Amino acid sequence: MIRVGEKLGMQMEGRMRNVRFYEGKYYDSIRMGMLREEWEEIKGHV
């Protein structure tokens, strides 16, 4: 999923470590995003 976001032009904005607990194991939570200006620039080139 991280690679999909990167291909869409998003950047990793944050990583919260060991916040999700699933089947006895902790996982990191990733936040990805892009600025409105970046989105409009990409949208204009489509």
N, C-alpha and C. Protein backbone atom coordinates (compact mmCIF):
# COMPACT_ATOMS: atom_id res chain seq x y z
N MET A 1 0.81 -1.20 0.00
CA MET A 1 0.00 0.00 0.00
C MET A 1 0.86 1.26 0.00
N ILE A 2 2.02 1.18 0.63
CA ILE A 2 2.90 2.36 0.65
C ILE A 2 3.36 2.68 -0.76
N ARG A 3 3.71 1.67 -1.53
CA ARG A 3 4.16 1.90 -2.91
C ARG A 3 3.05 2.47 -3.78
N VAL A 4 1.82 2.07 -3.54
CA VAL A 4 0.69 2.62 -4.30
C VAL A 4 0.57 4.11 -4.02
N GLY A 5 0.64 4.48 -2.75
CA GLY A 5 0.58 5.89 -2.39
C GLY A 5 1.70 6.70 -3.01
N GLU A 6 2.91 6.13 -3.00
CA GLU A 6 4.06 6.83 -3.60
C GLU A 6 3.88 7.00 -5.10
N LYS A 7 3.33 6.00 -5.77
CA LYS A 7 3.10 6.11 -7.22
C LYS A 7 2.04 7.16 -7.54
N LEU A 8 1.12 7.38 -6.60
CA LEU A 8 0.09 8.41 -6.79
C LEU A 8 0.61 9.80 -6.46
N GLY A 9 1.83 9.88 -5.93
CA GLY A 9 2.44 11.18 -5.62
C GLY A 9 2.39 11.55 -4.15
N MET A 10 1.93 10.65 -3.32
CA MET A 10 1.85 10.94 -1.89
C MET A 10 3.22 10.75 -1.23
N GLN A 11 3.38 11.40 -0.09
CA GLN A 11 4.59 11.27 0.71
C GLN A 11 4.22 10.75 2.09
N MET A 12 5.15 10.02 2.70
CA MET A 12 4.91 9.56 4.06
C MET A 12 5.01 10.76 5.00
N GLU A 13 3.94 11.04 5.70
CA GLU A 13 3.90 12.18 6.61
C GLU A 13 4.13 11.78 8.05
N GLY A 14 3.93 10.52 8.35
CA GLY A 14 4.14 10.09 9.73
C GLY A 14 4.10 8.59 9.87
N ARG A 15 4.77 8.11 10.89
CA ARG A 15 4.76 6.69 11.22
C ARG A 15 4.60 6.59 12.74
N MET A 16 3.50 5.98 13.15
CA MET A 16 3.28 5.74 14.57
C MET A 16 3.64 4.28 14.84
N ARG A 17 4.60 4.11 15.69
CA ARG A 17 5.15 2.77 15.90
C ARG A 17 4.37 2.00 16.96
N ASN A 18 4.16 0.73 16.66
CA ASN A 18 3.52 -0.23 17.58
C ASN A 18 2.19 0.26 18.13
N VAL A 19 1.29 0.69 17.26
CA VAL A 19 -0.02 1.17 17.71
C VAL A 19 -1.16 0.22 17.36
N ARG A 20 -0.97 -0.64 16.40
CA ARG A 20 -2.03 -1.58 16.02
C ARG A 20 -1.68 -2.98 16.52
N PHE A 21 -2.61 -3.59 17.24
CA PHE A 21 -2.40 -4.92 17.79
C PHE A 21 -3.30 -5.88 17.04
N TYR A 22 -2.70 -6.87 16.37
CA TYR A 22 -3.46 -7.81 15.56
C TYR A 22 -2.87 -9.21 15.72
N GLU A 23 -3.70 -10.14 16.14
CA GLU A 23 -3.31 -11.53 16.34
C GLU A 23 -2.03 -11.65 17.16
N GLY A 24 -1.99 -10.93 18.28
CA GLY A 24 -0.88 -11.04 19.22
C GLY A 24 0.39 -10.32 18.82
N LYS A 25 0.33 -9.45 17.82
CA LYS A 25 1.53 -8.77 17.35
C LYS A 25 1.21 -7.29 17.12
N TYR A 26 2.17 -6.41 17.41
CA TYR A 26 2.01 -4.98 17.19
C TYR A 26 2.53 -4.58 15.81
N TYR A 27 1.84 -3.63 15.17
CA TYR A 27 2.22 -3.15 13.85
C TYR A 27 2.26 -1.63 13.85
N ASP A 28 3.05 -1.06 12.93
CA ASP A 28 3.13 0.38 12.78
C ASP A 28 1.93 0.89 11.98
N SER A 29 1.58 2.14 12.18
CA SER A 29 0.55 2.80 11.40
C SER A 29 1.21 3.92 10.60
N ILE A 30 0.94 3.93 9.30
CA ILE A 30 1.57 4.89 8.39
C ILE A 30 0.53 5.92 7.95
N ARG A 31 0.93 7.19 7.90
CA ARG A 31 0.08 8.26 7.38
C ARG A 31 0.74 8.82 6.13
N MET A 32 -0.03 8.85 5.05
CA MET A 32 0.49 9.39 3.80
C MET A 32 -0.45 10.49 3.30
N GLY A 33 0.11 11.44 2.59
CA GLY A 33 -0.73 12.52 2.08
C GLY A 33 0.00 13.36 1.05
N MET A 34 -0.73 14.34 0.53
CA MET A 34 -0.14 15.28 -0.42
C MET A 34 -0.82 16.62 -0.25
N LEU A 35 -0.09 17.66 -0.57
CA LEU A 35 -0.63 19.01 -0.47
C LEU A 35 -1.62 19.27 -1.60
N ARG A 36 -2.55 20.17 -1.37
CA ARG A 36 -3.53 20.51 -2.39
C ARG A 36 -2.83 21.01 -3.66
N GLU A 37 -1.78 21.81 -3.49
CA GLU A 37 -1.04 22.33 -4.64
C GLU A 37 -0.43 21.20 -5.47
N GLU A 38 0.09 20.18 -4.78
CA GLU A 38 0.65 19.03 -5.49
C GLU A 38 -0.44 18.28 -6.24
N TRP A 39 -1.60 18.11 -5.61
CA TRP A 39 -2.72 17.41 -6.24
C TRP A 39 -3.19 18.16 -7.49
N GLU A 40 -3.33 19.47 -7.36
CA GLU A 40 -3.81 20.25 -8.51
C GLU A 40 -2.80 20.23 -9.64
N GLU A 41 -1.51 20.20 -9.32
CA GLU A 41 -0.49 20.11 -10.36
C GLU A 41 -0.59 18.78 -11.10
N ILE A 42 -0.76 17.69 -10.38
CA ILE A 42 -0.89 16.37 -11.00
C ILE A 42 -2.21 16.29 -11.79
N LYS A 43 -3.27 16.78 -11.19
CA LYS A 43 -4.59 16.73 -11.83
C LYS A 43 -4.60 17.52 -13.14
N GLY A 44 -3.86 18.62 -13.18
CA GLY A 44 -3.80 19.43 -14.39
C GLY A 44 -3.05 18.76 -15.53
N HIS A 45 -2.19 17.79 -15.22
CA HIS A 45 -1.41 17.12 -16.26
C HIS A 45 -2.10 15.86 -16.78
N VAL A 46 -3.25 15.52 -16.24
CA VAL A 46 -3.94 14.29 -16.69
C VAL A 46 -4.70 14.53 -17.95
